[in-house]
Amino acid sequence: MKKLILFFALLLSGCSVVSFHKLTSNLKGKVIFNGDPVSEAKIIFKAKSHWCGEWETKEVVTGKDGEFEVPQWKEVRPFVFVHQPVVEQELMIIYQGKEYEGWKYTRMSYSDKYVAPIILFYSVS
C-alpha cells in the first residue's frame, strides 16, 4: 500500500514514467555566398539537453537552391522528474573547407507553443 501511495504522490508531483522531450523545432534555412545560393554546403546541427547529457549531431547538405531542413528532434526518456529544460543548440556550416558558425540558441522548453518556425538565411563571406 505504501508503494502505491508513493507512486501516486510522484505522479501528482509532476514525475512521469515516460516523457517525450521535443529537443528542437523544425529548422529551415538557406545559405548564400556573394548573393548566390550555395549548393552542397555541409550543415552540422548539434543539440545537447542538460537533462539527457550528451551532444547529439545531425548532418544535412544544402540543395541546389542553397536550402536545407533539419527535422524536429525528439527523445523518449523514462522516469522523468520535474525540471527546467535546457537544450543548447548550434549550427555550423562547412563550405569550401572553411567552417562558419551559423547559429546558437538555448531552448528553455520542450514545447513549441511559444516558438515561431525557425528560418535562417546565412550569408557566407
N, C-alpha and C. Protein backbone atom coordinates (compact mmCIF):
# COMPACT_ATOMS: atom_id res chain seq x y z
N MET A 1 0.83 -1.20 0.00
CA MET A 1 0.00 0.00 0.00
C MET A 1 0.87 1.26 0.00
N LYS A 2 1.97 1.22 0.78
CA LYS A 2 2.85 2.38 0.83
C LYS A 2 3.47 2.66 -0.53
N LYS A 3 3.81 1.59 -1.28
CA LYS A 3 4.38 1.77 -2.62
C LYS A 3 3.38 2.41 -3.56
N LEU A 4 2.13 2.02 -3.45
CA LEU A 4 1.07 2.59 -4.30
C LEU A 4 0.88 4.07 -3.98
N ILE A 5 0.88 4.42 -2.72
CA ILE A 5 0.74 5.83 -2.32
C ILE A 5 1.93 6.64 -2.82
N LEU A 6 3.15 6.09 -2.70
CA LEU A 6 4.35 6.78 -3.18
C LEU A 6 4.28 6.98 -4.70
N PHE A 7 3.83 5.97 -5.43
CA PHE A 7 3.70 6.07 -6.89
C PHE A 7 2.76 7.21 -7.26
N PHE A 8 1.59 7.28 -6.64
CA PHE A 8 0.63 8.35 -6.95
C PHE A 8 1.14 9.71 -6.50
N ALA A 9 1.88 9.76 -5.41
CA ALA A 9 2.46 11.02 -4.96
C ALA A 9 3.46 11.55 -5.98
N LEU A 10 4.28 10.64 -6.54
CA LEU A 10 5.24 11.05 -7.56
C LEU A 10 4.53 11.54 -8.82
N LEU A 11 3.48 10.84 -9.22
CA LEU A 11 2.73 11.28 -10.40
C LEU A 11 2.11 12.66 -10.19
N LEU A 12 1.54 12.88 -9.02
CA LEU A 12 0.91 14.16 -8.74
C LEU A 12 1.94 15.28 -8.61
N SER A 13 3.16 14.94 -8.27
CA SER A 13 4.20 15.97 -8.11
C SER A 13 4.79 16.40 -9.45
N GLY A 14 4.40 15.75 -10.53
CA GLY A 14 4.91 16.13 -11.84
C GLY A 14 5.87 15.12 -12.43
N CYS A 15 6.13 14.03 -11.73
CA CYS A 15 7.02 13.00 -12.25
C CYS A 15 6.24 12.12 -13.23
N SER A 16 6.93 11.56 -14.18
CA SER A 16 6.27 10.67 -15.11
C SER A 16 7.14 9.46 -15.37
N VAL A 17 6.50 8.38 -15.75
CA VAL A 17 7.23 7.16 -16.03
C VAL A 17 7.96 7.30 -17.36
N VAL A 18 7.31 7.90 -18.36
CA VAL A 18 7.91 8.11 -19.67
C VAL A 18 7.61 9.52 -20.12
N SER A 19 8.58 10.20 -20.69
CA SER A 19 8.39 11.56 -21.17
C SER A 19 8.92 11.67 -22.60
N PHE A 20 8.20 12.40 -23.44
CA PHE A 20 8.61 12.63 -24.81
C PHE A 20 9.12 14.06 -24.91
N HIS A 21 10.43 14.22 -24.92
CA HIS A 21 11.05 15.53 -24.94
C HIS A 21 11.26 15.98 -26.38
N LYS A 22 10.73 17.14 -26.70
CA LYS A 22 10.96 17.75 -28.01
C LYS A 22 12.18 18.66 -27.84
N LEU A 23 13.34 18.17 -28.26
CA LEU A 23 14.58 18.90 -28.04
C LEU A 23 14.74 20.08 -28.99
N THR A 24 14.21 19.97 -30.19
CA THR A 24 14.35 21.05 -31.17
C THR A 24 13.05 21.25 -31.93
N SER A 25 12.95 22.37 -32.60
CA SER A 25 11.85 22.62 -33.52
C SER A 25 12.34 22.29 -34.93
N ASN A 26 11.42 22.28 -35.88
CA ASN A 26 11.83 22.14 -37.28
C ASN A 26 12.70 23.35 -37.62
N LEU A 27 13.76 23.13 -38.35
CA LEU A 27 14.70 24.19 -38.69
C LEU A 27 14.90 24.22 -40.20
N LYS A 28 14.64 25.36 -40.80
CA LYS A 28 14.84 25.53 -42.24
C LYS A 28 15.79 26.70 -42.46
N GLY A 29 16.58 26.63 -43.52
CA GLY A 29 17.49 27.72 -43.78
C GLY A 29 17.96 27.76 -45.22
N LYS A 30 18.68 28.80 -45.53
CA LYS A 30 19.25 28.98 -46.86
C LYS A 30 20.63 29.60 -46.69
N VAL A 31 21.61 29.05 -47.39
CA VAL A 31 22.98 29.56 -47.33
C VAL A 31 23.29 30.22 -48.67
N ILE A 32 23.81 31.46 -48.59
CA ILE A 32 24.18 32.18 -49.81
C ILE A 32 25.62 32.67 -49.71
N PHE A 33 26.26 32.82 -50.87
CA PHE A 33 27.64 33.31 -50.93
C PHE A 33 27.69 34.33 -52.06
N ASN A 34 28.06 35.57 -51.73
CA ASN A 34 28.07 36.67 -52.71
C ASN A 34 26.73 36.81 -53.43
N GLY A 35 25.65 36.58 -52.67
CA GLY A 35 24.31 36.74 -53.23
C GLY A 35 23.77 35.53 -53.96
N ASP A 36 24.58 34.49 -54.14
CA ASP A 36 24.15 33.29 -54.85
C ASP A 36 23.94 32.14 -53.88
N PRO A 37 22.95 31.27 -54.16
CA PRO A 37 22.72 30.11 -53.29
C PRO A 37 23.93 29.17 -53.31
N VAL A 38 24.21 28.58 -52.16
CA VAL A 38 25.34 27.66 -52.02
C VAL A 38 24.79 26.23 -51.99
N SER A 39 25.15 25.44 -53.01
CA SER A 39 24.75 24.03 -53.00
C SER A 39 25.88 23.19 -52.44
N GLU A 40 25.52 22.05 -51.88
CA GLU A 40 26.48 21.08 -51.35
C GLU A 40 27.29 21.59 -50.15
N ALA A 41 26.80 22.60 -49.44
CA ALA A 41 27.43 23.00 -48.18
C ALA A 41 26.97 22.03 -47.10
N LYS A 42 27.87 21.64 -46.24
CA LYS A 42 27.53 20.71 -45.16
C LYS A 42 27.00 21.52 -43.97
N ILE A 43 25.84 21.12 -43.47
CA ILE A 43 25.23 21.74 -42.30
C ILE A 43 25.35 20.74 -41.15
N ILE A 44 25.97 21.15 -40.06
CA ILE A 44 26.09 20.30 -38.88
C ILE A 44 25.28 20.94 -37.76
N PHE A 45 24.24 20.24 -37.35
CA PHE A 45 23.36 20.74 -36.30
C PHE A 45 23.58 19.87 -35.07
N LYS A 46 23.88 20.53 -33.93
CA LYS A 46 24.13 19.82 -32.68
C LYS A 46 23.17 20.32 -31.60
N ALA A 47 22.73 19.40 -30.76
CA ALA A 47 21.87 19.76 -29.64
C ALA A 47 22.28 18.95 -28.42
N LYS A 48 22.20 19.60 -27.27
CA LYS A 48 22.54 18.93 -26.01
C LYS A 48 21.51 19.32 -24.96
N SER A 49 20.80 18.34 -24.47
CA SER A 49 19.88 18.56 -23.37
C SER A 49 20.65 18.39 -22.06
N HIS A 50 20.53 19.34 -21.17
CA HIS A 50 21.22 19.21 -19.88
C HIS A 50 20.65 18.04 -19.09
N TRP A 51 19.40 17.68 -19.38
CA TRP A 51 18.78 16.53 -18.71
C TRP A 51 19.32 15.23 -19.29
N CYS A 52 19.45 15.16 -20.61
CA CYS A 52 19.92 13.93 -21.27
C CYS A 52 21.43 13.82 -21.24
N GLY A 53 22.13 14.96 -21.31
CA GLY A 53 23.55 14.99 -21.04
C GLY A 53 24.55 14.97 -22.17
N GLU A 54 24.24 14.42 -23.33
CA GLU A 54 25.25 14.31 -24.37
C GLU A 54 24.85 15.08 -25.63
N TRP A 55 25.86 15.56 -26.35
CA TRP A 55 25.61 16.23 -27.62
C TRP A 55 25.17 15.20 -28.66
N GLU A 56 24.12 15.52 -29.37
CA GLU A 56 23.64 14.71 -30.50
C GLU A 56 23.89 15.53 -31.75
N THR A 57 24.23 14.88 -32.85
CA THR A 57 24.57 15.59 -34.07
C THR A 57 23.76 15.07 -35.24
N LYS A 58 23.31 15.99 -36.08
CA LYS A 58 22.67 15.64 -37.35
C LYS A 58 23.38 16.43 -38.44
N GLU A 59 23.58 15.78 -39.59
CA GLU A 59 24.22 16.45 -40.71
C GLU A 59 23.32 16.39 -41.93
N VAL A 60 23.21 17.53 -42.62
CA VAL A 60 22.48 17.60 -43.87
C VAL A 60 23.32 18.41 -44.86
N VAL A 61 22.94 18.38 -46.12
CA VAL A 61 23.65 19.11 -47.16
C VAL A 61 22.65 20.01 -47.87
N THR A 62 23.09 21.24 -48.21
CA THR A 62 22.20 22.17 -48.90
C THR A 62 21.92 21.67 -50.32
N GLY A 63 20.72 21.99 -50.81
CA GLY A 63 20.35 21.63 -52.17
C GLY A 63 20.86 22.65 -53.17
N LYS A 64 20.46 22.50 -54.42
CA LYS A 64 20.90 23.42 -55.48
C LYS A 64 20.51 24.87 -55.21
N ASP A 65 19.39 25.02 -54.49
CA ASP A 65 18.90 26.36 -54.17
C ASP A 65 19.50 26.91 -52.88
N GLY A 66 20.44 26.17 -52.27
CA GLY A 66 21.08 26.61 -51.04
C GLY A 66 20.27 26.34 -49.79
N GLU A 67 19.10 25.72 -49.96
CA GLU A 67 18.22 25.50 -48.81
C GLU A 67 18.50 24.17 -48.13
N PHE A 68 18.17 24.12 -46.84
CA PHE A 68 18.32 22.90 -46.06
C PHE A 68 17.21 22.83 -45.03
N GLU A 69 17.00 21.65 -44.50
CA GLU A 69 15.99 21.45 -43.46
C GLU A 69 16.49 20.39 -42.49
N VAL A 70 16.37 20.71 -41.21
CA VAL A 70 16.69 19.75 -40.15
C VAL A 70 15.37 19.47 -39.42
N PRO A 71 14.89 18.23 -39.51
CA PRO A 71 13.60 17.92 -38.88
C PRO A 71 13.66 17.98 -37.36
N GLN A 72 12.49 18.13 -36.78
CA GLN A 72 12.34 18.17 -35.33
C GLN A 72 13.00 16.95 -34.69
N TRP A 73 13.52 17.14 -33.51
CA TRP A 73 14.28 16.12 -32.81
C TRP A 73 13.58 15.82 -31.49
N LYS A 74 13.23 14.55 -31.28
CA LYS A 74 12.55 14.16 -30.05
C LYS A 74 13.33 13.06 -29.36
N GLU A 75 13.21 13.01 -28.05
CA GLU A 75 13.82 11.96 -27.24
C GLU A 75 12.75 11.40 -26.29
N VAL A 76 12.79 10.12 -26.06
CA VAL A 76 11.92 9.49 -25.08
C VAL A 76 12.78 9.15 -23.87
N ARG A 77 12.36 9.64 -22.72
CA ARG A 77 13.14 9.40 -21.50
C ARG A 77 12.25 8.77 -20.43
N PRO A 78 12.72 7.70 -19.80
CA PRO A 78 11.94 7.10 -18.71
C PRO A 78 12.20 7.81 -17.38
N PHE A 79 11.25 7.73 -16.50
CA PHE A 79 11.36 8.24 -15.13
C PHE A 79 11.86 9.68 -15.07
N VAL A 80 11.05 10.58 -15.57
CA VAL A 80 11.43 11.99 -15.62
C VAL A 80 10.77 12.74 -14.47
N PHE A 81 11.58 13.50 -13.76
CA PHE A 81 11.09 14.31 -12.66
C PHE A 81 10.94 15.75 -13.14
N VAL A 82 10.28 16.56 -12.35
CA VAL A 82 10.10 17.97 -12.68
C VAL A 82 11.47 18.62 -12.80
N HIS A 83 11.71 19.34 -13.88
CA HIS A 83 12.99 20.00 -14.07
C HIS A 83 12.83 21.14 -15.07
N GLN A 84 13.79 22.01 -15.10
CA GLN A 84 13.81 23.11 -16.08
C GLN A 84 14.55 22.61 -17.32
N PRO A 85 13.86 22.49 -18.45
CA PRO A 85 14.56 22.07 -19.66
C PRO A 85 15.59 23.11 -20.11
N VAL A 86 16.77 22.65 -20.44
CA VAL A 86 17.80 23.50 -21.01
C VAL A 86 18.41 22.70 -22.16
N VAL A 87 18.19 23.16 -23.38
CA VAL A 87 18.69 22.46 -24.56
C VAL A 87 19.54 23.43 -25.37
N GLU A 88 20.85 23.21 -25.35
CA GLU A 88 21.75 24.03 -26.16
C GLU A 88 21.70 23.53 -27.60
N GLN A 89 21.68 24.48 -28.55
CA GLN A 89 21.65 24.12 -29.96
C GLN A 89 22.65 24.97 -30.71
N GLU A 90 23.31 24.37 -31.68
CA GLU A 90 24.21 25.15 -32.53
C GLU A 90 24.24 24.56 -33.93
N LEU A 91 24.49 25.44 -34.88
CA LEU A 91 24.52 25.05 -36.28
C LEU A 91 25.81 25.58 -36.90
N MET A 92 26.54 24.68 -37.54
CA MET A 92 27.78 25.05 -38.22
C MET A 92 27.61 24.80 -39.71
N ILE A 93 28.27 25.61 -40.52
CA ILE A 93 28.23 25.47 -41.97
C ILE A 93 29.67 25.24 -42.44
N ILE A 94 29.86 24.19 -43.23
CA ILE A 94 31.18 23.94 -43.81
C ILE A 94 31.04 24.12 -45.32
N TYR A 95 31.82 25.08 -45.83
CA TYR A 95 31.77 25.42 -47.25
C TYR A 95 33.18 25.71 -47.74
N GLN A 96 33.57 25.06 -48.81
CA GLN A 96 34.90 25.21 -49.40
C GLN A 96 36.01 25.02 -48.36
N GLY A 97 35.82 24.00 -47.49
CA GLY A 97 36.82 23.66 -46.50
C GLY A 97 36.89 24.59 -45.30
N LYS A 98 36.02 25.58 -45.26
CA LYS A 98 36.03 26.55 -44.16
C LYS A 98 34.78 26.35 -43.30
N GLU A 99 34.93 26.51 -42.00
CA GLU A 99 33.82 26.32 -41.07
C GLU A 99 33.28 27.68 -40.61
N TYR A 100 31.95 27.81 -40.64
CA TYR A 100 31.28 29.05 -40.22
C TYR A 100 30.28 28.74 -39.11
N GLU A 101 30.25 29.60 -38.11
CA GLU A 101 29.24 29.48 -37.07
C GLU A 101 27.95 30.08 -37.61
N GLY A 102 26.93 29.27 -37.74
CA GLY A 102 25.68 29.75 -38.32
C GLY A 102 24.69 30.26 -37.29
N TRP A 103 24.61 29.56 -36.13
CA TRP A 103 23.54 29.90 -35.20
C TRP A 103 23.77 29.19 -33.88
N LYS A 104 23.45 29.87 -32.77
CA LYS A 104 23.47 29.26 -31.44
C LYS A 104 22.22 29.70 -30.70
N TYR A 105 21.65 28.78 -29.94
CA TYR A 105 20.41 29.08 -29.23
C TYR A 105 20.28 28.14 -28.05
N THR A 106 19.74 28.63 -26.94
CA THR A 106 19.43 27.78 -25.79
C THR A 106 17.93 27.76 -25.61
N ARG A 107 17.36 26.59 -25.76
CA ARG A 107 15.92 26.39 -25.64
C ARG A 107 15.60 26.06 -24.19
N MET A 108 14.57 26.71 -23.64
CA MET A 108 14.23 26.54 -22.24
C MET A 108 12.87 25.86 -22.05
N SER A 109 12.41 25.13 -23.08
CA SER A 109 11.13 24.45 -23.01
C SER A 109 11.12 23.29 -23.99
N TYR A 110 10.32 22.28 -23.70
CA TYR A 110 10.13 21.19 -24.65
C TYR A 110 8.94 21.46 -25.56
N SER A 111 8.24 22.53 -25.33
CA SER A 111 7.03 22.85 -26.08
C SER A 111 7.31 23.80 -27.23
N ASP A 112 6.57 23.64 -28.32
CA ASP A 112 6.63 24.58 -29.44
C ASP A 112 5.54 25.64 -29.33
N LYS A 113 4.82 25.64 -28.23
CA LYS A 113 3.66 26.52 -28.07
C LYS A 113 4.00 27.99 -28.30
N TYR A 114 5.16 28.43 -27.84
CA TYR A 114 5.53 29.83 -27.96
C TYR A 114 6.70 30.05 -28.92
N VAL A 115 7.01 29.04 -29.72
CA VAL A 115 8.16 29.13 -30.62
C VAL A 115 7.67 29.28 -32.05
N ALA A 116 8.12 30.34 -32.71
CA ALA A 116 7.80 30.52 -34.13
C ALA A 116 8.68 29.58 -34.94
N PRO A 117 8.26 29.23 -36.16
CA PRO A 117 9.14 28.41 -37.01
C PRO A 117 10.48 29.12 -37.19
N ILE A 118 11.54 28.34 -37.18
CA ILE A 118 12.88 28.91 -37.28
C ILE A 118 13.33 28.87 -38.73
N ILE A 119 13.55 30.04 -39.32
CA ILE A 119 14.01 30.14 -40.70
C ILE A 119 15.26 31.00 -40.71
N LEU A 120 16.35 30.44 -41.20
CA LEU A 120 17.63 31.14 -41.20
C LEU A 120 18.07 31.47 -42.62
N PHE A 121 18.64 32.63 -42.79
CA PHE A 121 19.33 32.98 -44.04
C PHE A 121 20.73 33.36 -43.63
N TYR A 122 21.72 32.69 -44.14
CA TYR A 122 23.08 32.91 -43.72
C TYR A 122 23.93 33.23 -44.93
N SER A 123 24.60 34.36 -44.88
CA SER A 123 25.48 34.78 -45.98
C SER A 123 26.91 34.46 -45.61
N VAL A 124 27.50 33.51 -46.32
CA VAL A 124 28.88 33.13 -46.10
C VAL A 124 29.78 34.14 -46.79
N SER A 125 30.75 34.68 -46.06
CA SER A 125 31.68 35.64 -46.68
C SER A 125 33.07 35.49 -46.10
